[in-house]
Each structure stands twice: as structure tokens, then as C-alpha cells.
All heavy atoms as atom14 arrays in JSON, in Angstrom:
{
  "sequence": "PGDMPSRITLTASGGAFFGRTRGEMENVTLAEALKHPNWSMGAK",
  "atom14_mask": [
    [1, 1, 1, 1, 1, 1, 1, 0, 0, 0, 0, 0, 0, 0],
    [1, 1, 1, 1, 0, 0, 0, 0, 0, 0, 0, 0, 0, 0],
    [1, 1, 1, 1, 1, 1, 1, 1, 0, 0, 0, 0, 0, 0],
    [1, 1, 1, 1, 1, 1, 1, 1, 0, 0, 0, 0, 0, 0],
    [1, 1, 1, 1, 1, 1, 1, 0, 0, 0, 0, 0, 0, 0],
    [1, 1, 1, 1, 1, 1, 0, 0, 0, 0, 0, 0, 0, 0],
    [1, 1, 1, 1, 1, 1, 1, 1, 1, 1, 1, 0, 0, 0],
    [1, 1, 1, 1, 1, 1, 1, 1, 0, 0, 0, 0, 0, 0],
    [1, 1, 1, 1, 1, 1, 1, 0, 0, 0, 0, 0, 0, 0],
    [1, 1, 1, 1, 1, 1, 1, 1, 0, 0, 0, 0, 0, 0],
    [1, 1, 1, 1, 1, 1, 1, 0, 0, 0, 0, 0, 0, 0],
    [1, 1, 1, 1, 1, 0, 0, 0, 0, 0, 0, 0, 0, 0],
    [1, 1, 1, 1, 1, 1, 0, 0, 0, 0, 0, 0, 0, 0],
    [1, 1, 1, 1, 0, 0, 0, 0, 0, 0, 0, 0, 0, 0],
    [1, 1, 1, 1, 0, 0, 0, 0, 0, 0, 0, 0, 0, 0],
    [1, 1, 1, 1, 1, 0, 0, 0, 0, 0, 0, 0, 0, 0],
    [1, 1, 1, 1, 1, 1, 1, 1, 1, 1, 1, 0, 0, 0],
    [1, 1, 1, 1, 1, 1, 1, 1, 1, 1, 1, 0, 0, 0],
    [1, 1, 1, 1, 0, 0, 0, 0, 0, 0, 0, 0, 0, 0],
    [1, 1, 1, 1, 1, 1, 1, 1, 1, 1, 1, 0, 0, 0],
    [1, 1, 1, 1, 1, 1, 1, 0, 0, 0, 0, 0, 0, 0],
    [1, 1, 1, 1, 1, 1, 1, 1, 1, 1, 1, 0, 0, 0],
    [1, 1, 1, 1, 0, 0, 0, 0, 0, 0, 0, 0, 0, 0],
    [1, 1, 1, 1, 1, 1, 1, 1, 1, 0, 0, 0, 0, 0],
    [1, 1, 1, 1, 1, 1, 1, 1, 0, 0, 0, 0, 0, 0],
    [1, 1, 1, 1, 1, 1, 1, 1, 1, 0, 0, 0, 0, 0],
    [1, 1, 1, 1, 1, 1, 1, 1, 0, 0, 0, 0, 0, 0],
    [1, 1, 1, 1, 1, 1, 1, 0, 0, 0, 0, 0, 0, 0],
    [1, 1, 1, 1, 1, 1, 1, 0, 0, 0, 0, 0, 0, 0],
    [1, 1, 1, 1, 1, 1, 1, 1, 0, 0, 0, 0, 0, 0],
    [1, 1, 1, 1, 1, 0, 0, 0, 0, 0, 0, 0, 0, 0],
    [1, 1, 1, 1, 1, 1, 1, 1, 1, 0, 0, 0, 0, 0],
    [1, 1, 1, 1, 1, 0, 0, 0, 0, 0, 0, 0, 0, 0],
    [1, 1, 1, 1, 1, 1, 1, 1, 0, 0, 0, 0, 0, 0],
    [1, 1, 1, 1, 1, 1, 1, 1, 1, 0, 0, 0, 0, 0],
    [1, 1, 1, 1, 1, 1, 1, 1, 1, 1, 0, 0, 0, 0],
    [1, 1, 1, 1, 1, 1, 1, 0, 0, 0, 0, 0, 0, 0],
    [1, 1, 1, 1, 1, 1, 1, 1, 0, 0, 0, 0, 0, 0],
    [1, 1, 1, 1, 1, 1, 1, 1, 1, 1, 1, 1, 1, 1],
    [1, 1, 1, 1, 1, 1, 0, 0, 0, 0, 0, 0, 0, 0],
    [1, 1, 1, 1, 1, 1, 1, 1, 0, 0, 0, 0, 0, 0],
    [1, 1, 1, 1, 0, 0, 0, 0, 0, 0, 0, 0, 0, 0],
    [1, 1, 1, 1, 1, 0, 0, 0, 0, 0, 0, 0, 0, 0],
    [1, 1, 1, 1, 1, 1, 1, 1, 1, 0, 0, 0, 0, 0]
  ],
  "atom14_positions": [
    [[-23.09, -1.79, 4.23], [-23.78, -2.98, 3.72], [-25.22, -2.68, 3.34], [-25.93, -1.96, 4.04], [-23.7, -3.95, 4.91], [-23.49, -3.08, 6.1], [-22.69, -1.92, 5.63], [0.0, 0.0, 0.0], [0.0, 0.0, 0.0], [0.0, 0.0, 0.0], [0.0, 0.0, 0.0], [0.0, 0.0, 0.0], [0.0, 0.0, 0.0], [0.0, 0.0, 0.0]],
    [[-25.62, -3.2, 2.2], [-26.98, -2.98, 1.74], [-27.17, -1.7, 0.96], [-28.23, -1.46, 0.38], [0.0, 0.0, 0.0], [0.0, 0.0, 0.0], [0.0, 0.0, 0.0], [0.0, 0.0, 0.0], [0.0, 0.0, 0.0], [0.0, 0.0, 0.0], [0.0, 0.0, 0.0], [0.0, 0.0, 0.0], [0.0, 0.0, 0.0], [0.0, 0.0, 0.0]],
    [[-26.15, -0.85, 0.94], [-26.23, 0.43, 0.23], [-25.21, 0.41, -0.9], [-24.15, 1.02, -0.82], [-25.94, 1.58, 1.21], [-26.34, 2.94, 0.64], [-26.91, 2.97, -0.46], [-26.06, 3.95, 1.3], [0.0, 0.0, 0.0], [0.0, 0.0, 0.0], [0.0, 0.0, 0.0], [0.0, 0.0, 0.0], [0.0, 0.0, 0.0], [0.0, 0.0, 0.0]],
    [[-25.52, -0.33, -1.95], [-24.56, -0.56, -3.02], [-24.37, 0.69, -3.88], [-25.32, 1.45, -4.11], [-25.0, -1.73, -3.9], [-24.91, -3.07, -3.2], [-23.23, -3.47, -2.68], [-22.43, -3.71, -4.27], [0.0, 0.0, 0.0], [0.0, 0.0, 0.0], [0.0, 0.0, 0.0], [0.0, 0.0, 0.0], [0.0, 0.0, 0.0], [0.0, 0.0, 0.0]],
    [[-23.16, 0.93, -4.33], [-22.9, 2.12, -5.14], [-23.53, 2.03, -6.52], [-23.71, 0.93, -7.07], [-21.37, 2.15, -5.25], [-20.95, 0.73, -5.1], [-21.94, 0.12, -4.13], [0.0, 0.0, 0.0], [0.0, 0.0, 0.0], [0.0, 0.0, 0.0], [0.0, 0.0, 0.0], [0.0, 0.0, 0.0], [0.0, 0.0, 0.0], [0.0, 0.0, 0.0]],
    [[-23.86, 3.2, -7.07], [-24.37, 3.23, -8.44], [-23.23, 3.3, -9.45], [-23.36, 2.88, -10.59], [-25.29, 4.43, -8.64], [-24.61, 5.64, -8.38], [0.0, 0.0, 0.0], [0.0, 0.0, 0.0], [0.0, 0.0, 0.0], [0.0, 0.0, 0.0], [0.0, 0.0, 0.0], [0.0, 0.0, 0.0], [0.0, 0.0, 0.0], [0.0, 0.0, 0.0]],
    [[-22.09, 3.85, -9.0], [-20.9, 3.96, -9.84], [-19.67, 3.81, -8.94], [-19.75, 4.02, -7.73], [-20.8, 5.31, -10.56], [-21.98, 5.68, -11.42], [-21.7, 6.96, -12.19], [-20.64, 6.78, -13.17], [-20.82, 6.24, -14.38], [-22.03, 5.82, -14.75], [-19.81, 6.11, -15.22], [0.0, 0.0, 0.0], [0.0, 0.0, 0.0], [0.0, 0.0, 0.0]],
    [[-18.55, 3.45, -9.56], [-17.29, 3.49, -8.85], [-16.25, 4.22, -9.71], [-16.4, 4.29, -10.94], [-16.78, 2.09, -8.47], [-16.48, 1.25, -9.73], [-17.76, 1.38, -7.57], [-15.88, -0.12, -9.4], [0.0, 0.0, 0.0], [0.0, 0.0, 0.0], [0.0, 0.0, 0.0], [0.0, 0.0, 0.0], [0.0, 0.0, 0.0], [0.0, 0.0, 0.0]],
    [[-15.26, 4.77, -9.05], [-14.17, 5.43, -9.76], [-12.85, 4.8, -9.33], [-12.52, 4.77, -8.13], [-14.11, 6.94, -9.45], [-15.33, 7.55, -9.9], [-12.93, 7.6, -10.15], [0.0, 0.0, 0.0], [0.0, 0.0, 0.0], [0.0, 0.0, 0.0], [0.0, 0.0, 0.0], [0.0, 0.0, 0.0], [0.0, 0.0, 0.0], [0.0, 0.0, 0.0]],
    [[-12.12, 4.26, -10.3], [-10.77, 3.75, -10.05], [-9.79, 4.88, -10.3], [-9.86, 5.55, -11.33], [-10.45, 2.6, -10.99], [-11.35, 1.36, -10.96], [-10.94, 0.38, -12.05], [-11.31, 0.69, -9.6], [0.0, 0.0, 0.0], [0.0, 0.0, 0.0], [0.0, 0.0, 0.0], [0.0, 0.0, 0.0], [0.0, 0.0, 0.0], [0.0, 0.0, 0.0]],
    [[-8.88, 5.1, -9.37], [-7.85, 6.1, -9.59], [-6.59, 5.44, -10.14], [-6.32, 4.26, -9.89], [-7.51, 6.86, -8.29], [-7.16, 5.91, -7.28], [-8.7, 7.68, -7.84], [0.0, 0.0, 0.0], [0.0, 0.0, 0.0], [0.0, 0.0, 0.0], [0.0, 0.0, 0.0], [0.0, 0.0, 0.0], [0.0, 0.0, 0.0], [0.0, 0.0, 0.0]],
    [[-5.83, 6.21, -10.89], [-4.58, 5.73, -11.47], [-3.51, 6.8, -11.28], [-3.79, 7.99, -11.46], [-4.77, 5.45, -12.97], [0.0, 0.0, 0.0], [0.0, 0.0, 0.0], [0.0, 0.0, 0.0], [0.0, 0.0, 0.0], [0.0, 0.0, 0.0], [0.0, 0.0, 0.0], [0.0, 0.0, 0.0], [0.0, 0.0, 0.0], [0.0, 0.0, 0.0]],
    [[-2.32, 6.39, -10.95], [-1.24, 7.37, -10.76], [-0.84, 8.03, -12.07], [-0.34, 9.16, -12.08], [-0.01, 6.67, -10.16], [0.54, 5.77, -11.11], [0.0, 0.0, 0.0], [0.0, 0.0, 0.0], [0.0, 0.0, 0.0], [0.0, 0.0, 0.0], [0.0, 0.0, 0.0], [0.0, 0.0, 0.0], [0.0, 0.0, 0.0], [0.0, 0.0, 0.0]],
    [[-1.04, 7.33, -13.16], [-0.54, 7.81, -14.45], [0.78, 7.17, -14.82], [1.25, 7.31, -15.96], [0.0, 0.0, 0.0], [0.0, 0.0, 0.0], [0.0, 0.0, 0.0], [0.0, 0.0, 0.0], [0.0, 0.0, 0.0], [0.0, 0.0, 0.0], [0.0, 0.0, 0.0], [0.0, 0.0, 0.0], [0.0, 0.0, 0.0], [0.0, 0.0, 0.0]],
    [[1.4, 6.47, -13.88], [2.64, 5.75, -14.17], [3.82, 6.65, -14.42], [3.82, 7.85, -14.12], [0.0, 0.0, 0.0], [0.0, 0.0, 0.0], [0.0, 0.0, 0.0], [0.0, 0.0, 0.0], [0.0, 0.0, 0.0], [0.0, 0.0, 0.0], [0.0, 0.0, 0.0], [0.0, 0.0, 0.0], [0.0, 0.0, 0.0], [0.0, 0.0, 0.0]],
    [[4.84, 6.06, -15.01], [6.12, 6.75, -15.18], [6.07, 7.9, -16.19], [6.91, 8.8, -16.14], [7.19, 5.74, -15.6], [0.0, 0.0, 0.0], [0.0, 0.0, 0.0], [0.0, 0.0, 0.0], [0.0, 0.0, 0.0], [0.0, 0.0, 0.0], [0.0, 0.0, 0.0], [0.0, 0.0, 0.0], [0.0, 0.0, 0.0], [0.0, 0.0, 0.0]],
    [[5.09, 7.89, -17.09], [5.12, 8.84, -18.21], [3.95, 9.81, -18.22], [3.67, 10.44, -19.25], [5.17, 8.08, -19.54], [6.31, 7.1, -19.62], [6.08, 5.78, -19.99], [7.6, 7.48, -19.3], [7.11, 4.87, -20.05], [8.65, 6.58, -19.36], [8.4, 5.27, -19.74], [0.0, 0.0, 0.0], [0.0, 0.0, 0.0], [0.0, 0.0, 0.0]],
    [[3.27, 9.97, -17.09], [2.14, 10.88, -17.08], [2.58, 12.29, -17.47], [3.59, 12.81, -17.0], [1.5, 10.93, -15.69], [0.37, 11.92, -15.59], [-0.79, 11.74, -16.33], [0.49, 13.06, -14.81], [-1.82, 12.65, -16.26], [-0.54, 13.98, -14.73], [-1.69, 13.78, -15.46], [0.0, 0.0, 0.0], [0.0, 0.0, 0.0], [0.0, 0.0, 0.0]],
    [[1.81, 12.9, -18.37], [2.13, 14.23, -18.85], [2.83, 14.24, -20.19], [2.92, 15.29, -20.83], [0.0, 0.0, 0.0], [0.0, 0.0, 0.0], [0.0, 0.0, 0.0], [0.0, 0.0, 0.0], [0.0, 0.0, 0.0], [0.0, 0.0, 0.0], [0.0, 0.0, 0.0], [0.0, 0.0, 0.0], [0.0, 0.0, 0.0], [0.0, 0.0, 0.0]],
    [[3.33, 13.1, -20.63], [3.98, 13.03, -21.94], [2.95, 12.72, -23.03], [1.92, 12.09, -22.78], [5.06, 11.95, -21.96], [6.17, 12.16, -20.95], [7.35, 11.28, -21.3], [8.3, 11.16, -20.19], [9.47, 10.55, -20.27], [9.84, 9.98, -21.42], [10.27, 10.47, -19.23], [0.0, 0.0, 0.0], [0.0, 0.0, 0.0], [0.0, 0.0, 0.0]],
    [[3.24, 13.15, -24.23], [2.4, 12.8, -25.37], [2.76, 11.39, -25.85], [3.79, 10.83, -25.47], [2.61, 13.78, -26.54], [3.96, 13.62, -27.02], [2.39, 15.22, -26.09], [0.0, 0.0, 0.0], [0.0, 0.0, 0.0], [0.0, 0.0, 0.0], [0.0, 0.0, 0.0], [0.0, 0.0, 0.0], [0.0, 0.0, 0.0], [0.0, 0.0, 0.0]],
    [[1.9, 10.84, -26.68], [2.19, 9.51, -27.21], [3.49, 9.53, -28.02], [4.29, 8.59, -27.96], [1.03, 9.03, -28.07], [1.16, 7.57, -28.54], [-0.17, 7.02, -28.98], [-0.05, 5.69, -29.54], [0.06, 4.57, -28.82], [0.07, 4.64, -27.51], [0.15, 3.39, -29.41], [0.0, 0.0, 0.0], [0.0, 0.0, 0.0], [0.0, 0.0, 0.0]],
    [[3.71, 10.6, -28.77], [4.95, 10.72, -29.52], [6.17, 10.75, -28.63], [7.22, 10.16, -28.95], [0.0, 0.0, 0.0], [0.0, 0.0, 0.0], [0.0, 0.0, 0.0], [0.0, 0.0, 0.0], [0.0, 0.0, 0.0], [0.0, 0.0, 0.0], [0.0, 0.0, 0.0], [0.0, 0.0, 0.0], [0.0, 0.0, 0.0], [0.0, 0.0, 0.0]],
    [[6.05, 11.42, -27.49], [7.18, 11.5, -26.56], [7.46, 10.17, -25.87], [8.56, 9.94, -25.37], [6.91, 12.58, -25.51], [6.95, 13.99, -26.06], [6.43, 15.03, -25.08], [5.66, 14.66, -24.16], [6.78, 16.22, -25.24], [0.0, 0.0, 0.0], [0.0, 0.0, 0.0], [0.0, 0.0, 0.0], [0.0, 0.0, 0.0], [0.0, 0.0, 0.0]],
    [[6.46, 9.28, -25.86], [6.66, 7.97, -25.23], [7.2, 6.93, -26.21], [7.55, 5.82, -25.8], [5.34, 7.46, -24.64], [4.89, 8.21, -23.4], [3.49, 7.42, -22.57], [2.14, 7.83, -23.69], [0.0, 0.0, 0.0], [0.0, 0.0, 0.0], [0.0, 0.0, 0.0], [0.0, 0.0, 0.0], [0.0, 0.0, 0.0], [0.0, 0.0, 0.0]],
    [[7.28, 7.28, -27.47], [7.59, 6.28, -28.49], [8.94, 5.61, -28.26], [9.09, 4.41, -28.46], [7.55, 6.93, -29.88], [7.57, 5.92, -31.0], [7.12, 6.54, -32.31], [5.95, 6.96, -32.4], [7.95, 6.59, -33.22], [0.0, 0.0, 0.0], [0.0, 0.0, 0.0], [0.0, 0.0, 0.0], [0.0, 0.0, 0.0], [0.0, 0.0, 0.0]],
    [[9.92, 6.35, -27.83], [11.28, 5.81, -27.71], [11.77, 5.69, -26.27], [12.98, 5.66, -26.03], [12.26, 6.67, -28.53], [11.96, 6.6, -30.02], [11.81, 5.51, -30.59], [11.86, 7.75, -30.66], [0.0, 0.0, 0.0], [0.0, 0.0, 0.0], [0.0, 0.0, 0.0], [0.0, 0.0, 0.0], [0.0, 0.0, 0.0], [0.0, 0.0, 0.0]],
    [[10.85, 5.62, -25.32], [11.27, 5.47, -23.93], [11.87, 4.08, -23.72], [11.6, 3.14, -24.47], [10.09, 5.69, -22.95], [9.56, 7.1, -23.07], [8.98, 4.66, -23.18], [0.0, 0.0, 0.0], [0.0, 0.0, 0.0], [0.0, 0.0, 0.0], [0.0, 0.0, 0.0], [0.0, 0.0, 0.0], [0.0, 0.0, 0.0], [0.0, 0.0, 0.0]],
    [[12.69, 3.94, -22.69], [13.38, 2.7, -22.41], [12.67, 1.92, -21.3], [11.84, 2.45, -20.57], [14.82, 2.96, -21.96], [14.79, 3.65, -20.7], [15.56, 3.81, -22.99], [0.0, 0.0, 0.0], [0.0, 0.0, 0.0], [0.0, 0.0, 0.0], [0.0, 0.0, 0.0], [0.0, 0.0, 0.0], [0.0, 0.0, 0.0], [0.0, 0.0, 0.0]],
    [[13.05, 0.66, -21.17], [12.52, -0.17, -20.09], [12.89, 0.43, -18.74], [12.05, 0.47, -17.83], [13.06, -1.59, -20.21], [12.68, -2.55, -19.08], [11.17, -2.75, -19.02], [13.39, -3.89, -19.24], [0.0, 0.0, 0.0], [0.0, 0.0, 0.0], [0.0, 0.0, 0.0], [0.0, 0.0, 0.0], [0.0, 0.0, 0.0], [0.0, 0.0, 0.0]],
    [[14.11, 0.9, -18.61], [14.53, 1.49, -17.33], [13.66, 2.68, -16.96], [13.3, 2.85, -15.79], [16.0, 1.91, -17.41], [0.0, 0.0, 0.0], [0.0, 0.0, 0.0], [0.0, 0.0, 0.0], [0.0, 0.0, 0.0], [0.0, 0.0, 0.0], [0.0, 0.0, 0.0], [0.0, 0.0, 0.0], [0.0, 0.0, 0.0], [0.0, 0.0, 0.0]],
    [[13.29, 3.48, -17.94], [12.41, 4.62, -17.67], [11.02, 4.16, -17.27], [10.4, 4.72, -16.36], [12.32, 5.52, -18.91], [13.59, 6.27, -19.23], [13.47, 7.06, -20.53], [13.26, 6.42, -21.58], [13.57, 8.3, -20.48], [0.0, 0.0, 0.0], [0.0, 0.0, 0.0], [0.0, 0.0, 0.0], [0.0, 0.0, 0.0], [0.0, 0.0, 0.0]],
    [[10.51, 3.12, -17.94], [9.17, 2.62, -17.64], [9.08, 2.03, -16.24], [8.01, 2.01, -15.64], [8.76, 1.56, -18.68], [0.0, 0.0, 0.0], [0.0, 0.0, 0.0], [0.0, 0.0, 0.0], [0.0, 0.0, 0.0], [0.0, 0.0, 0.0], [0.0, 0.0, 0.0], [0.0, 0.0, 0.0], [0.0, 0.0, 0.0], [0.0, 0.0, 0.0]],
    [[10.2, 1.57, -15.72], [10.22, 0.94, -14.4], [10.36, 1.94, -13.26], [10.34, 1.55, -12.09], [11.37, -0.08, -14.32], [11.18, -1.35, -15.17], [12.43, -2.19, -15.15], [9.98, -2.16, -14.68], [0.0, 0.0, 0.0], [0.0, 0.0, 0.0], [0.0, 0.0, 0.0], [0.0, 0.0, 0.0], [0.0, 0.0, 0.0], [0.0, 0.0, 0.0]],
    [[10.46, 3.21, -13.57], [10.6, 4.24, -12.52], [9.23, 4.78, -12.14], [8.83, 5.89, -12.5], [11.49, 5.38, -13.02], [12.95, 4.98, -13.19], [13.79, 6.15, -13.7], [15.25, 5.74, -13.86], [16.07, 6.85, -14.44], [0.0, 0.0, 0.0], [0.0, 0.0, 0.0], [0.0, 0.0, 0.0], [0.0, 0.0, 0.0], [0.0, 0.0, 0.0]],
    [[8.48, 3.97, -11.39], [7.16, 4.41, -10.95], [7.3, 5.48, -9.89], [8.13, 5.36, -8.98], [6.34, 3.24, -10.4], [4.88, 3.53, -10.33], [4.35, 4.35, -9.36], [3.85, 3.15, -11.12], [3.04, 4.45, -9.55], [2.71, 3.74, -10.61], [0.0, 0.0, 0.0], [0.0, 0.0, 0.0], [0.0, 0.0, 0.0], [0.0, 0.0, 0.0]],
    [[6.52, 6.56, -10.0], [6.71, 7.68, -9.06], [6.23, 7.42, -7.64], [6.67, 8.1, -6.71], [5.87, 8.8, -9.7], [4.82, 8.08, -10.51], [5.51, 6.85, -11.03], [0.0, 0.0, 0.0], [0.0, 0.0, 0.0], [0.0, 0.0, 0.0], [0.0, 0.0, 0.0], [0.0, 0.0, 0.0], [0.0, 0.0, 0.0], [0.0, 0.0, 0.0]],
    [[5.33, 6.46, -7.43], [4.72, 6.31, -6.1], [4.79, 4.92, -5.5], [4.99, 4.78, -4.3], [3.23, 6.7, -6.17], [3.02, 8.13, -6.62], [3.87, 8.99, -6.4], [1.9, 8.39, -7.28], [0.0, 0.0, 0.0], [0.0, 0.0, 0.0], [0.0, 0.0, 0.0], [0.0, 0.0, 0.0], [0.0, 0.0, 0.0], [0.0, 0.0, 0.0]],
    [[4.6, 3.89, -6.33], [4.38, 2.54, -5.81], [5.61, 1.66, -5.99], [6.34, 1.79, -6.98], [3.2, 1.87, -6.5], [1.87, 2.49, -6.21], [1.21, 3.39, -6.98], [1.05, 2.27, -5.05], [0.01, 3.73, -6.39], [-0.1, 3.07, -5.2], [1.17, 1.48, -3.91], [-1.13, 3.09, -4.26], [0.15, 1.49, -2.98], [-0.98, 2.29, -3.15]],
    [[5.8, 0.71, -5.06], [6.81, -0.33, -5.19], [6.12, -1.6, -5.67], [5.39, -2.24, -4.91], [7.5, -0.57, -3.84], [8.37, -1.68, -3.92], [0.0, 0.0, 0.0], [0.0, 0.0, 0.0], [0.0, 0.0, 0.0], [0.0, 0.0, 0.0], [0.0, 0.0, 0.0], [0.0, 0.0, 0.0], [0.0, 0.0, 0.0], [0.0, 0.0, 0.0]],
    [[6.34, -1.96, -6.94], [5.64, -3.1, -7.54], [6.62, -3.91, -8.37], [7.74, -3.48, -8.62], [4.48, -2.61, -8.43], [3.49, -1.69, -7.74], [2.15, -1.15, -8.82], [3.03, -0.09, -9.98], [0.0, 0.0, 0.0], [0.0, 0.0, 0.0], [0.0, 0.0, 0.0], [0.0, 0.0, 0.0], [0.0, 0.0, 0.0], [0.0, 0.0, 0.0]],
    [[6.2, -5.08, -8.8], [7.03, -5.89, -9.67], [7.17, -5.26, -11.04], [6.43, -4.34, -11.42], [0.0, 0.0, 0.0], [0.0, 0.0, 0.0], [0.0, 0.0, 0.0], [0.0, 0.0, 0.0], [0.0, 0.0, 0.0], [0.0, 0.0, 0.0], [0.0, 0.0, 0.0], [0.0, 0.0, 0.0], [0.0, 0.0, 0.0], [0.0, 0.0, 0.0]],
    [[8.12, -5.79, -11.83], [8.44, -5.19, -13.13], [7.25, -5.21, -14.08], [6.97, -4.19, -14.75], [9.63, -5.92, -13.75], [0.0, 0.0, 0.0], [0.0, 0.0, 0.0], [0.0, 0.0, 0.0], [0.0, 0.0, 0.0], [0.0, 0.0, 0.0], [0.0, 0.0, 0.0], [0.0, 0.0, 0.0], [0.0, 0.0, 0.0], [0.0, 0.0, 0.0]],
    [[6.55, -6.34, -14.18], [5.44, -6.43, -15.13], [4.36, -5.39, -14.82], [3.9, -4.67, -15.7], [4.81, -7.83, -15.12], [3.59, -7.95, -16.03], [2.86, -9.25, -15.86], [1.66, -9.35, -16.8], [0.65, -8.29, -16.57], [0.0, 0.0, 0.0], [0.0, 0.0, 0.0], [0.0, 0.0, 0.0], [0.0, 0.0, 0.0], [0.0, 0.0, 0.0]]
  ]
}
């Protein structure tokens, strides 16, 4: 308390398609998008 940060960093898992190019993601399916590697979350 009283020592406020100058910056913050939000981390992101990268989701289901981390490592793919935009072209490789063009034709992915909903089922593939819903396969999150780490977290249990709702579909949206």
C-alpha cells in the first residue's frame, strides 16, 4: 500500500492457436478454438 506501480504487465496464455500464423488460423473451427490449453472457461 502506498507504493503504486509505474507499469503493469498482463500475461496471456496465447489461447488455442499460439504459435500459428494468421494464415494458419484462417480456417480453424469452433471446436479447435474451444480447446484452451490451460484454463477452464466459458465458450465466449
